[in-house]
N, C-alpha and C. Protein backbone atom coordinates (compact mmCIF):
# COMPACT_ATOMS: atom_id res chain seq x y z
N UNK A 1 0.90 -1.37 0.38
CA UNK A 1 -0.17 -0.37 -0.03
C UNK A 1 0.96 1.38 0.35
N UNK A 2 1.84 1.20 1.11
CA UNK A 2 2.66 2.15 0.98
C UNK A 2 3.44 2.63 -0.59
N UNK A 3 4.04 1.49 -0.99
CA UNK A 3 4.59 1.41 -2.41
C UNK A 3 3.82 2.30 -3.38
N UNK A 4 2.54 1.84 -3.45
CA UNK A 4 1.75 2.37 -4.30
C UNK A 4 1.63 3.52 -4.08
N UNK A 5 1.11 4.26 -2.80
CA UNK A 5 1.16 5.79 -2.45
C UNK A 5 2.41 6.49 -3.21
N UNK A 6 3.76 5.97 -2.42
CA UNK A 6 4.90 6.56 -3.28
C UNK A 6 5.16 6.67 -4.70
N UNK A 7 4.42 5.82 -5.28
CA UNK A 7 4.84 6.00 -6.80
C UNK A 7 3.50 6.64 -7.51
N UNK A 8 2.44 6.55 -7.06
CA UNK A 8 1.73 7.89 -7.03
C UNK A 8 2.49 9.34 -6.97
N UNK A 9 2.64 9.26 -5.69
CA UNK A 9 3.22 10.59 -5.30
C UNK A 9 4.53 10.91 -6.51
N UNK A 10 5.51 10.00 -6.63
CA UNK A 10 6.52 10.28 -7.34
C UNK A 10 6.01 10.91 -9.04
N UNK A 11 5.29 9.48 -9.15
CA UNK A 11 4.28 10.42 -10.37
C UNK A 11 3.76 11.78 -11.08
N UNK A 12 3.25 12.07 -9.75
CA UNK A 12 2.60 13.36 -9.44
C UNK A 12 3.57 14.46 -10.09
N UNK A 13 4.53 14.41 -9.03
CA UNK A 13 5.76 15.25 -9.13
C UNK A 13 6.32 15.58 -10.04
N UNK A 14 6.69 14.44 -10.69
CA UNK A 14 7.28 14.18 -12.15
C UNK A 14 6.37 15.34 -12.80
N UNK A 15 5.09 15.06 -12.85
CA UNK A 15 4.11 15.37 -13.66
C UNK A 15 3.81 16.84 -13.91
N UNK A 16 4.08 17.33 -12.40
CA UNK A 16 4.34 18.90 -11.97
C UNK A 16 5.18 19.37 -12.48
N UNK A 17 6.41 19.09 -12.24
CA UNK A 17 7.59 19.50 -12.60
C UNK A 17 7.60 19.44 -14.79
N UNK A 18 7.43 18.77 -15.12
CA UNK A 18 7.62 18.50 -16.43
C UNK A 18 6.62 19.60 -16.94
N UNK A 19 5.43 19.89 -16.64
CA UNK A 19 4.68 20.75 -16.87
C UNK A 19 5.33 22.17 -16.47
N UNK A 20 6.12 22.39 -15.37
CA UNK A 20 6.37 23.34 -15.08
C UNK A 20 7.76 23.85 -16.21
N UNK A 21 8.15 22.89 -16.42
CA UNK A 21 9.50 22.83 -17.57
C UNK A 21 8.94 23.40 -18.79
N UNK A 22 7.73 22.95 -19.49
CA UNK A 22 7.20 23.43 -20.71
C UNK A 22 6.38 24.76 -20.89
N UNK A 23 6.34 25.16 -19.44
CA UNK A 23 5.85 27.13 -19.63
C UNK A 23 7.00 27.77 -20.37
N UNK A 24 6.48 28.61 -20.75
CA UNK A 24 7.01 29.78 -20.93
C UNK A 24 7.78 30.58 -19.95
N UNK A 25 9.14 30.82 -20.17
CA UNK A 25 9.78 31.66 -18.65
C UNK A 25 9.01 32.52 -18.43
N UNK A 26 8.89 33.07 -17.39
CA UNK A 26 8.32 34.57 -17.36
C UNK A 26 6.90 34.71 -17.22
N UNK A 27 6.19 33.84 -17.29
CA UNK A 27 4.92 33.79 -17.20
C UNK A 27 4.00 33.72 -16.21
N UNK A 28 2.63 34.46 -16.36
CA UNK A 28 2.01 33.79 -15.04
C UNK A 28 1.65 32.33 -15.11
N UNK A 29 1.40 31.47 -16.06
CA UNK A 29 1.66 29.83 -16.52
C UNK A 29 2.92 29.07 -15.34
N UNK A 30 3.81 29.93 -15.61
CA UNK A 30 5.04 29.39 -15.24
C UNK A 30 5.09 29.31 -14.03
N UNK A 31 4.50 30.83 -13.17
CA UNK A 31 4.61 30.90 -11.60
C UNK A 31 3.48 30.11 -11.05
N UNK A 32 2.52 29.79 -11.63
CA UNK A 32 1.47 29.01 -11.34
C UNK A 32 1.82 27.49 -10.93
N UNK A 33 2.57 27.33 -12.17
CA UNK A 33 3.31 25.76 -12.27
C UNK A 33 4.03 25.32 -11.18
N UNK A 34 4.71 26.34 -10.86
CA UNK A 34 5.84 26.20 -9.94
C UNK A 34 5.49 26.48 -8.47
N UNK A 35 4.55 27.16 -8.34
CA UNK A 35 3.93 27.13 -6.93
C UNK A 35 2.94 25.71 -6.66
N UNK A 36 2.50 25.07 -7.47
CA UNK A 36 1.63 23.64 -7.64
C UNK A 36 2.80 23.11 -7.17
N UNK A 37 3.86 23.14 -8.11
CA UNK A 37 4.83 21.87 -7.68
C UNK A 37 5.63 21.96 -6.38
N UNK A 38 5.85 23.31 -6.03
CA UNK A 38 6.31 23.50 -4.32
C UNK A 38 5.41 23.01 -3.78
N UNK A 39 4.35 23.20 -3.42
CA UNK A 39 3.36 23.10 -2.51
C UNK A 39 3.46 21.54 -2.57
N UNK A 40 3.33 20.54 -3.26
CA UNK A 40 3.09 19.32 -3.60
C UNK A 40 4.12 19.02 -2.93
N UNK A 41 5.69 19.48 -3.39
CA UNK A 41 7.06 19.05 -2.62
C UNK A 41 6.40 19.21 -1.23
N UNK A 42 6.28 20.00 -0.66
CA UNK A 42 6.43 20.35 0.73
C UNK A 42 4.94 19.64 1.57
N UNK A 43 4.28 19.53 0.83
CA UNK A 43 2.88 18.82 1.45
C UNK A 43 3.36 17.21 1.45
N UNK A 44 3.78 16.51 0.80
CA UNK A 44 4.38 15.28 0.77
C UNK A 44 5.19 14.67 1.49
N UNK A 45 5.46 15.66 2.50
CA UNK A 45 6.24 15.16 4.33
C UNK A 45 7.17 14.24 3.57
N UNK A 46 7.84 14.45 2.37
CA UNK A 46 8.86 13.11 2.12
C UNK A 46 10.53 14.22 1.98
N UNK A 47 10.43 15.31 2.28
CA UNK A 47 11.81 16.35 2.36
C UNK A 47 12.57 16.06 3.45
N UNK A 48 14.00 15.63 3.26
CA UNK A 48 15.05 14.99 3.86
C UNK A 48 15.35 15.63 5.26
N UNK A 49 15.46 15.69 6.11
CA UNK A 49 15.94 16.34 7.30
C UNK A 49 17.53 15.50 7.72
N UNK A 50 18.49 16.57 6.81
CA UNK A 50 19.62 16.17 6.77
C UNK A 50 20.35 16.72 8.13
N UNK A 51 21.71 16.03 8.60
CA UNK A 51 22.47 16.35 9.81
C UNK A 51 21.60 16.21 11.10
N UNK A 52 20.73 15.47 10.91
CA UNK A 52 20.03 15.18 12.19
C UNK A 52 20.86 14.49 13.19
N UNK A 53 20.38 15.08 14.54
CA UNK A 53 21.16 15.25 15.64
C UNK A 53 22.25 16.10 15.84
N UNK A 54 22.71 16.92 14.69
CA UNK A 54 23.67 18.14 15.02
C UNK A 54 22.67 19.35 14.71
N UNK A 55 23.51 20.18 15.62
CA UNK A 55 23.03 21.91 15.67
C UNK A 55 21.76 21.94 16.26
N UNK A 56 21.49 21.30 17.42
CA UNK A 56 20.45 20.51 17.76
C UNK A 56 19.36 21.57 18.41
N UNK A 57 20.26 23.09 19.06
CA UNK A 57 19.73 24.35 19.58
C UNK A 57 19.10 25.42 18.44
N UNK A 58 19.63 25.07 16.99
CA UNK A 58 19.06 25.84 16.10
C UNK A 58 19.33 24.89 14.78
N UNK A 59 18.73 23.65 15.12
CA UNK A 59 18.47 23.10 13.55
C UNK A 59 16.96 23.19 13.42
N UNK A 60 15.97 23.62 13.85
CA UNK A 60 14.91 23.87 13.15
C UNK A 60 15.21 25.62 12.05
N UNK A 61 15.74 26.23 12.81
CA UNK A 61 15.92 27.66 12.14
C UNK A 61 17.02 27.12 10.72
N UNK A 62 17.75 26.44 11.42
CA UNK A 62 18.88 26.12 9.81
C UNK A 62 18.03 25.35 8.61
N UNK A 63 17.07 24.60 9.25
CA UNK A 63 16.18 23.46 8.33
C UNK A 63 15.34 24.58 7.52
N UNK A 64 14.69 25.22 8.15
CA UNK A 64 13.53 26.40 7.41
C UNK A 64 14.03 27.26 6.66
N UNK A 65 15.99 27.96 7.49
CA UNK A 65 16.20 28.52 6.51
C UNK A 65 16.81 28.13 4.84
N UNK A 66 17.27 26.62 5.11
CA UNK A 66 17.44 25.89 4.03
C UNK A 66 16.20 25.41 2.98
N UNK A 67 15.06 25.08 3.26
CA UNK A 67 13.66 24.68 2.65
C UNK A 67 13.76 26.06 1.78
N UNK A 68 13.57 27.27 2.54
CA UNK A 68 13.25 28.51 2.13
C UNK A 68 14.14 28.69 0.80
N UNK A 69 15.16 28.49 1.10
CA UNK A 69 16.27 28.78 -0.19
C UNK A 69 16.08 27.79 -0.97
N UNK A 70 15.90 26.59 -0.90
CA UNK A 70 15.93 25.64 -2.02
C UNK A 70 14.69 25.86 -2.79
N UNK A 71 13.44 26.31 -2.31
CA UNK A 71 12.31 26.70 -3.45
C UNK A 71 12.45 28.12 -3.42
N UNK A 72 13.40 28.78 -2.89
CA UNK A 72 13.75 30.12 -3.92
C UNK A 72 14.13 29.59 -5.41
N UNK A 73 15.30 28.77 -5.12
CA UNK A 73 16.15 28.75 -5.98
C UNK A 73 15.22 27.57 -7.36
N UNK A 74 14.28 26.94 -6.82
CA UNK A 74 13.38 26.38 -7.98
C UNK A 74 12.82 27.62 -8.91
N UNK A 75 12.23 28.80 -8.43
CA UNK A 75 11.51 29.35 -8.60
C UNK A 75 12.34 30.69 -9.42
N UNK A 76 13.53 30.33 -9.23
CA UNK A 76 14.42 31.25 -10.41
C UNK A 76 14.49 30.72 -11.58
N UNK A 77 14.80 31.44 -12.90
CA UNK A 77 15.24 31.79 -14.08
C UNK A 77 14.89 30.03 -14.49
N UNK A 78 14.18 29.64 -14.70
CA UNK A 78 14.44 28.32 -15.51
C UNK A 78 15.32 26.89 -14.61
N UNK A 79 15.44 27.41 -13.16
CA UNK A 79 16.29 26.09 -12.78
C UNK A 79 15.57 25.27 -12.64
N UNK A 80 14.02 25.00 -12.77
CA UNK A 80 13.79 23.55 -12.75
C UNK A 80 13.97 22.66 -13.77
N UNK A 81 14.74 23.51 -14.83
CA UNK A 81 15.01 22.72 -16.27
C UNK A 81 16.07 21.73 -15.48
N UNK A 82 16.74 22.48 -14.46
CA UNK A 82 18.24 21.49 -14.15
C UNK A 82 17.64 20.19 -13.91
N UNK A 83 15.90 20.04 -13.46
CA UNK A 83 15.65 18.15 -13.05
C UNK A 83 15.93 17.49 -14.54
N UNK A 84 16.50 16.45 -14.73
CA UNK A 84 15.93 15.50 -15.56
C UNK A 84 15.02 14.26 -15.44
N UNK A 85 13.80 14.39 -15.68
CA UNK A 85 13.07 13.22 -15.54
C UNK A 85 13.47 11.81 -15.91
N UNK A 86 14.90 11.85 -16.47
CA UNK A 86 14.88 10.81 -17.43
C UNK A 86 15.83 9.94 -15.78
N UNK A 87 16.38 10.73 -15.15
CA UNK A 87 17.44 10.34 -14.69
C UNK A 87 16.80 9.76 -12.59
N UNK A 88 15.77 10.33 -12.62
CA UNK A 88 15.20 10.05 -11.52
C UNK A 88 14.03 10.82 -10.87
N UNK A 89 13.28 10.77 -9.73
CA UNK A 89 12.68 11.56 -9.19
C UNK A 89 12.95 12.94 -8.72
N UNK A 90 11.84 13.62 -8.69
CA UNK A 90 11.78 14.89 -8.32
C UNK A 90 12.28 14.81 -6.78
N UNK A 91 11.97 13.79 -5.73
CA UNK A 91 11.91 13.98 -4.54
C UNK A 91 13.45 13.59 -4.37
N UNK A 92 13.76 12.92 -4.92
CA UNK A 92 15.45 12.50 -4.99
C UNK A 92 16.48 13.58 -5.10
N UNK A 93 16.32 14.41 -6.33
CA UNK A 93 16.42 15.49 -6.92
C UNK A 93 16.66 16.61 -5.80
N UNK A 94 15.56 17.25 -5.40
CA UNK A 94 15.43 18.11 -4.34
C UNK A 94 15.88 17.94 -2.87
N UNK A 95 16.14 16.86 -2.96
CA UNK A 95 16.92 15.96 -1.49
C UNK A 95 18.00 16.25 -1.37
N UNK A 96 18.87 16.05 -2.90
CA UNK A 96 20.02 15.88 -2.95
C UNK A 96 20.51 17.32 -2.88
N UNK A 97 19.78 18.48 -3.52
CA UNK A 97 19.90 19.68 -3.22
C UNK A 97 20.00 20.12 -1.96
N UNK A 98 18.85 19.90 -0.62
CA UNK A 98 18.84 20.23 0.22
C UNK A 98 19.88 19.63 1.11
N UNK A 99 20.73 18.43 0.63
CA UNK A 99 21.71 17.82 1.82
C UNK A 99 23.05 18.47 1.48
N UNK A 100 23.29 18.20 0.21
CA UNK A 100 24.58 18.77 -0.35
C UNK A 100 24.83 20.32 -0.38
N UNK A 101 23.92 21.19 -0.44
CA UNK A 101 24.05 22.72 -0.77
C UNK A 101 23.23 23.59 -0.09
N UNK A 102 22.12 23.49 0.42
CA UNK A 102 21.16 24.08 0.83
C UNK A 102 21.18 24.33 2.60
N UNK A 103 21.38 22.93 2.82
CA UNK A 103 21.52 22.89 4.62
C UNK A 103 22.73 23.39 4.75
N UNK A 104 24.04 22.88 4.17
CA UNK A 104 25.32 23.39 4.56
C UNK A 104 25.41 25.15 4.25
N UNK A 105 25.10 25.57 3.63
CA UNK A 105 24.65 27.16 3.14
C UNK A 105 24.23 27.81 4.36
N UNK A 106 23.13 27.30 4.71
CA UNK A 106 22.06 27.77 5.69
C UNK A 106 23.00 28.05 7.09
N UNK A 107 23.92 27.03 7.53
CA UNK A 107 24.46 26.79 8.64
C UNK A 107 25.52 28.27 8.91
N UNK A 108 26.02 28.65 7.96
CA UNK A 108 26.82 29.90 8.23
C UNK A 108 26.16 31.15 8.33
N UNK A 109 24.95 30.98 7.57
CA UNK A 109 23.81 31.95 7.45
C UNK A 109 23.25 32.25 9.27
N UNK A 110 22.86 31.12 9.81
CA UNK A 110 22.43 31.35 10.86
C UNK A 110 23.15 31.24 12.25
N UNK A 111 24.29 30.85 12.21
CA UNK A 111 25.36 30.76 13.34
C UNK A 111 26.63 31.03 13.17
N UNK A 112 26.69 31.23 11.89
CA UNK A 112 28.01 31.95 11.54
C UNK A 112 29.12 31.00 10.81
N UNK A 113 30.26 31.78 10.33
CA UNK A 113 31.07 31.24 9.64
C UNK A 113 31.82 30.02 10.23
N UNK A 114 32.05 30.03 11.05
CA UNK A 114 32.90 28.97 12.00
C UNK A 114 32.14 27.51 11.72
N UNK A 115 30.99 27.82 11.61
CA UNK A 115 30.19 26.41 11.93
C UNK A 115 29.79 25.77 10.25
N UNK A 116 30.15 26.23 9.55
CA UNK A 116 30.11 25.76 8.20
C UNK A 116 30.72 24.44 7.61
N UNK A 117 29.80 23.83 7.14
CA UNK A 117 29.85 22.29 6.54
C UNK A 117 30.73 22.29 5.25
N UNK A 118 32.28 22.03 5.12
CA UNK A 118 32.73 22.24 3.94
C UNK A 118 32.54 20.88 3.29
N UNK A 119 31.50 20.94 1.83
CA UNK A 119 31.69 19.64 0.98
C UNK A 119 32.40 19.64 0.09
N UNK A 120 32.83 18.89 -1.07
CA UNK A 120 33.48 18.61 -2.14
C UNK A 120 32.88 19.76 -3.41
N UNK A 121 33.96 20.08 -3.42
CA UNK A 121 33.29 21.16 -5.07
C UNK A 121 32.28 20.70 -5.90
N UNK A 122 32.84 19.04 -6.42
CA UNK A 122 31.64 18.36 -7.16
C UNK A 122 30.12 18.46 -6.66
N UNK A 123 29.93 18.81 -5.31
CA UNK A 123 28.44 18.58 -4.83
C UNK A 123 27.83 20.14 -5.01
N UNK A 124 28.73 21.44 -5.80
CA UNK A 124 28.03 22.50 -5.81
C UNK A 124 27.47 22.66 -7.00
N UNK A 125 26.75 23.31 -7.21
CA UNK A 125 26.30 23.91 -8.93
C UNK A 125 26.56 25.44 -8.65
N UNK A 126 26.54 26.28 -9.71
CA UNK A 126 26.97 26.80 -9.89
C UNK A 126 25.89 27.93 -10.04
N UNK A 127 25.73 29.53 -9.02
CA UNK A 127 23.96 29.73 -8.75
C UNK A 127 24.17 30.84 -10.10
N UNK A 128 23.04 30.93 -10.53
CA UNK A 128 22.84 31.51 -11.53
C UNK A 128 22.42 32.98 -11.07
N UNK A 129 23.09 34.25 -11.66
CA UNK A 129 22.76 35.78 -11.26
C UNK A 129 21.27 35.68 -11.14
N UNK A 130 20.80 36.21 -10.20
CA UNK A 130 19.06 36.65 -10.31
C UNK A 130 18.56 37.49 -11.68
N UNK A 131 17.51 37.07 -12.44
CA UNK A 131 17.22 38.28 -13.19
C UNK A 131 16.27 38.77 -12.77
N UNK A 132 15.86 40.03 -13.53
CA UNK A 132 15.07 41.23 -12.76
C UNK A 132 13.53 40.48 -12.70
N UNK A 133 13.37 39.54 -13.76
CA UNK A 133 12.04 39.48 -13.90
C UNK A 133 11.53 38.08 -13.23
N UNK A 134 12.37 36.98 -12.20
CA UNK A 134 12.40 36.06 -11.63
C UNK A 134 11.50 35.90 -10.83
N UNK A 135 10.71 34.76 -10.18
CA UNK A 135 9.54 34.87 -9.55
C UNK A 135 10.26 35.78 -8.07
N UNK A 136 11.56 35.12 -7.60
CA UNK A 136 12.19 35.57 -6.77
C UNK A 136 12.48 37.12 -6.54
N UNK A 137 12.68 37.62 -7.79
CA UNK A 137 12.99 38.94 -7.73
C UNK A 137 11.18 39.64 -7.40
N UNK A 138 10.34 38.87 -8.57
CA UNK A 138 9.24 39.83 -7.86
C UNK A 138 8.55 39.74 -6.75
N UNK A 139 8.73 38.72 -6.33
CA UNK A 139 8.72 38.29 -4.86
C UNK A 139 9.34 39.58 -3.82
N UNK A 140 10.42 39.90 -3.86
CA UNK A 140 10.99 41.16 -3.48
C UNK A 140 10.66 42.56 -3.47
N UNK A 141 10.25 42.18 -4.81
CA UNK A 141 9.72 43.80 -5.36
C UNK A 141 8.49 44.02 -4.60
N UNK A 142 7.77 43.04 -4.45
CA UNK A 142 6.18 43.16 -3.95
C UNK A 142 6.45 43.44 -2.71
N UNK A 143 7.40 43.00 -1.69
CA UNK A 143 7.60 43.45 -0.79
C UNK A 143 8.16 44.51 -0.22
N UNK A 144 8.99 44.90 -1.21
CA UNK A 144 9.49 46.64 -0.87
C UNK A 144 9.07 47.79 -1.27
N UNK A 145 7.62 47.10 -2.53
CA UNK A 145 6.67 48.12 -2.84
C UNK A 145 5.68 48.33 -1.90
N UNK A 146 5.32 47.13 -1.08
CA UNK A 146 4.09 47.16 0.34
C UNK A 146 2.74 48.02 -0.15
N UNK A 147 2.30 47.58 -1.53
CA UNK A 147 1.35 48.85 -1.73
C UNK A 147 0.25 48.81 -0.80
N UNK A 148 0.34 48.08 0.37
CA UNK A 148 -1.17 48.42 1.19
C UNK A 148 -0.35 48.61 2.58
N UNK A 149 0.71 48.73 2.67
CA UNK A 149 2.06 49.06 3.52
C UNK A 149 1.23 47.84 4.65
N UNK A 150 1.47 46.64 4.41
CA UNK A 150 0.97 45.78 5.63
C UNK A 150 2.49 45.31 5.92
N UNK A 151 3.30 45.04 5.16
CA UNK A 151 4.65 44.45 5.69
C UNK A 151 5.29 45.20 6.54
N UNK A 152 5.62 46.52 6.12
CA UNK A 152 6.10 47.30 7.23
C UNK A 152 5.61 47.45 8.95
N UNK A 153 4.06 47.41 8.54
CA UNK A 153 3.48 47.64 9.89
C UNK A 153 3.91 46.20 10.78
N UNK A 154 3.90 45.49 10.33
CA UNK A 154 4.04 43.89 11.03
C UNK A 154 5.53 43.81 11.53
N UNK A 155 5.81 44.11 12.96
CA UNK A 155 7.10 44.08 13.42
C UNK A 155 7.14 43.24 14.60
N UNK A 156 8.83 43.09 15.25
CA UNK A 156 8.61 42.42 16.36
C UNK A 156 8.27 43.47 17.49
N UNK A 157 7.36 43.00 18.82
CA UNK A 157 7.00 43.86 19.47
C UNK A 157 8.14 44.91 20.32
N UNK A 158 7.86 45.87 20.37
CA UNK A 158 8.70 46.87 21.37
C UNK A 158 10.07 47.38 19.85
N UNK A 159 9.71 46.57 18.76
CA UNK A 159 11.03 46.64 18.04
C UNK A 159 10.53 47.29 16.35
N UNK A 160 9.82 48.71 16.36
CA UNK A 160 9.39 48.89 15.26
C UNK A 160 10.16 48.55 13.98
N UNK A 161 11.68 49.19 14.03
CA UNK A 161 12.59 48.86 12.69
C UNK A 161 12.70 47.41 12.28
N UNK A 162 12.45 46.54 13.49
CA UNK A 162 12.42 45.31 12.94
C UNK A 162 11.43 44.58 12.76
N UNK A 163 10.73 44.95 11.19
CA UNK A 163 9.33 44.91 10.67
C UNK A 163 9.78 43.65 9.40
N UNK A 164 8.94 43.01 8.85
CA UNK A 164 8.69 42.09 8.32
C UNK A 164 9.41 42.50 6.80
N UNK A 165 9.09 43.66 6.68
CA UNK A 165 9.76 44.31 5.11
C UNK A 165 11.35 44.70 5.44
N UNK A 166 11.64 45.04 6.51
CA UNK A 166 12.85 45.52 6.92
C UNK A 166 13.86 43.96 6.57
N UNK A 167 13.36 43.39 7.82
CA UNK A 167 14.21 41.60 7.74
C UNK A 167 14.04 41.18 6.51
N UNK A 168 13.02 41.13 5.48
CA UNK A 168 13.10 40.59 4.40
C UNK A 168 14.23 41.03 3.37
N UNK A 169 14.37 42.16 3.11
CA UNK A 169 15.06 43.35 2.49
C UNK A 169 16.33 42.58 2.77
N UNK A 170 16.45 42.53 3.83
CA UNK A 170 18.22 42.00 4.66
C UNK A 170 18.73 40.61 4.02
N UNK A 171 17.42 39.94 4.37
CA UNK A 171 17.60 38.69 4.22
C UNK A 171 17.64 38.38 2.68
N UNK A 172 16.96 39.22 1.48
CA UNK A 172 16.99 39.24 0.51
C UNK A 172 18.74 39.28 -0.31
N UNK A 173 18.86 40.35 0.86
CA UNK A 173 20.33 40.96 -0.04
C UNK A 173 21.37 40.46 0.56
N UNK A 174 21.11 38.98 1.22
CA UNK A 174 22.32 37.96 1.73
C UNK A 174 22.72 38.33 3.06
N UNK A 175 22.18 39.45 3.82
CA UNK A 175 22.56 39.56 4.86
C UNK A 175 22.39 38.65 5.91
N UNK A 176 23.10 38.03 6.80
CA UNK A 176 23.08 37.02 7.72
C UNK A 176 22.33 37.31 8.93
N UNK A 177 21.52 36.27 9.62
CA UNK A 177 20.63 36.68 10.63
C UNK A 177 21.45 37.02 11.85
N UNK A 178 23.02 36.58 11.68
CA UNK A 178 23.94 36.79 12.83
C UNK A 178 24.03 38.41 12.90
N UNK A 179 24.11 38.63 11.60
CA UNK A 179 24.42 40.27 11.50
C UNK A 179 23.22 41.02 12.09
N UNK A 180 22.14 40.09 11.04
CA UNK A 180 20.66 41.00 11.59
C UNK A 180 20.72 41.49 12.97
N UNK A 181 21.11 40.50 14.06
CA UNK A 181 20.95 40.41 15.29
C UNK A 181 21.73 41.02 15.57
N UNK A 182 22.84 41.78 15.37
CA UNK A 182 23.91 42.28 16.28
C UNK A 182 23.20 43.96 15.81
N UNK A 183 22.77 44.21 14.51
CA UNK A 183 22.22 45.44 13.97
C UNK A 183 21.32 45.62 15.10
N UNK A 184 20.38 44.94 15.30
CA UNK A 184 18.94 45.62 16.03
C UNK A 184 19.19 45.18 17.30
N UNK A 185 20.39 43.99 18.31
CA UNK A 185 20.05 43.94 19.41
C UNK A 185 19.29 43.00 19.61
N UNK A 186 18.87 42.14 18.72
CA UNK A 186 17.27 41.45 18.89
C UNK A 186 17.92 39.77 18.56
N UNK A 187 17.81 38.72 19.41
CA UNK A 187 18.57 37.36 19.39
C UNK A 187 17.81 36.58 17.94
N UNK A 188 18.64 35.76 17.76
CA UNK A 188 18.45 35.38 15.95
C UNK A 188 17.35 34.59 16.23
N UNK A 189 16.77 33.80 17.25
CA UNK A 189 15.81 32.78 17.16
C UNK A 189 14.77 33.36 17.14
N UNK A 190 14.76 34.71 18.06
CA UNK A 190 13.43 35.79 17.63
C UNK A 190 13.39 36.34 16.44
N UNK A 191 14.26 36.84 15.73
CA UNK A 191 13.83 37.44 14.32
C UNK A 191 13.79 36.10 13.55
N UNK A 192 14.24 34.70 13.64
CA UNK A 192 13.91 33.56 13.08
C UNK A 192 12.52 33.15 13.26
N UNK A 193 12.03 33.58 14.19
CA UNK A 193 10.68 32.67 14.53
C UNK A 193 10.05 33.75 13.75
N UNK A 194 10.00 35.00 13.91
CA UNK A 194 8.90 36.03 13.87
C UNK A 194 9.23 36.31 12.35
N UNK A 195 10.38 35.89 11.22
CA UNK A 195 10.03 35.94 10.00
C UNK A 195 9.26 34.70 9.07
N UNK A 196 9.49 33.70 9.93
CA UNK A 196 8.75 32.72 9.38
C UNK A 196 7.66 32.43 9.75
N UNK A 197 7.04 33.49 10.94
CA UNK A 197 5.25 33.39 11.38
C UNK A 197 4.68 34.39 9.79
N UNK A 198 5.63 35.47 9.59
CA UNK A 198 5.29 36.30 8.64
C UNK A 198 5.24 35.62 7.24
N UNK A 199 6.04 34.87 6.86
CA UNK A 199 6.09 33.99 5.14
C UNK A 199 4.65 33.35 5.35
N UNK A 200 4.31 33.27 6.89
CA UNK A 200 3.02 32.19 6.48
C UNK A 200 1.70 32.63 6.56
N UNK A 201 1.77 34.15 7.32
CA UNK A 201 0.93 34.72 7.28
C UNK A 201 0.66 35.58 6.15
N UNK A 202 1.90 35.94 5.87
CA UNK A 202 1.49 36.71 4.02
C UNK A 202 1.73 36.14 2.56
N UNK A 203 1.72 34.56 3.07
CA UNK A 203 1.50 33.66 1.78
C UNK A 203 0.46 34.10 0.77
N UNK A 204 -0.68 34.31 1.13
CA UNK A 204 -1.66 34.33 0.34
C UNK A 204 -1.45 35.76 -0.30
N UNK A 205 -1.53 36.86 0.54
CA UNK A 205 -1.33 38.29 0.30
C UNK A 205 0.13 38.09 -1.14
N UNK A 206 1.05 37.58 -0.96
CA UNK A 206 1.89 37.76 -1.93
C UNK A 206 1.53 37.20 -3.28
N UNK A 207 0.62 36.02 -2.89
CA UNK A 207 0.21 35.10 -4.32
C UNK A 207 -0.62 35.61 -4.71
N UNK A 208 -1.61 36.85 -4.24
CA UNK A 208 -2.38 37.39 -4.71
C UNK A 208 -1.94 38.66 -5.23
N UNK A 209 -0.90 39.41 -5.02
CA UNK A 209 -0.09 40.55 -5.66
C UNK A 209 0.76 39.93 -6.64
N UNK A 210 0.86 38.44 -7.03
CA UNK A 210 1.99 37.98 -8.11
C UNK A 210 0.79 37.58 -8.87
N UNK A 211 -0.53 37.35 -8.96
CA UNK A 211 -0.92 36.22 -9.74
C UNK A 211 -2.06 37.01 -10.36
N UNK A 212 -2.36 38.23 -9.70
CA UNK A 212 -3.46 39.07 -9.91
C UNK A 212 -2.68 40.42 -11.30
């Protein structure tokens, strides 16, 4: 029974990935197809949890950061085309990226360079430059423009400067949680948890801006 469910899941994810690959770049259809794929990957519950048992106090923060960056990667310029349906399943591919690249990348962003895990260079792919019209950039622009002024008003209690918009701008610019924490004198865990809550809270709002 479990094997049948897994086969159905793999087939469904492969179908969604191929559909996204077939969509014309920088179109509404492409954005919708990628959103469906990412939602299906997340809801499958099959994303690996690498290096379990390490970084116990901040593991969830690192994992959330890694998964978020993985999904951003899938949304950037045609990166979905790097998936080859003939070579394996979607879950196998994204779990490899999560384990070999995005989790190790997330470690120094959350707890500093000294704890970074070094991997063989063969495990890393070149990260393409962001294009102005990529889905990642469109999300970033939505948060920065904040047409209804909702992102800048949502802030950590007692710290109006530490609002969702300001945090998102810093994260999108590659500023580490450690540096943001030092800038505002707020703990990394508090910053990260607030940011994750905001991402969930404003998910529908961001999709509304993007797809209308």
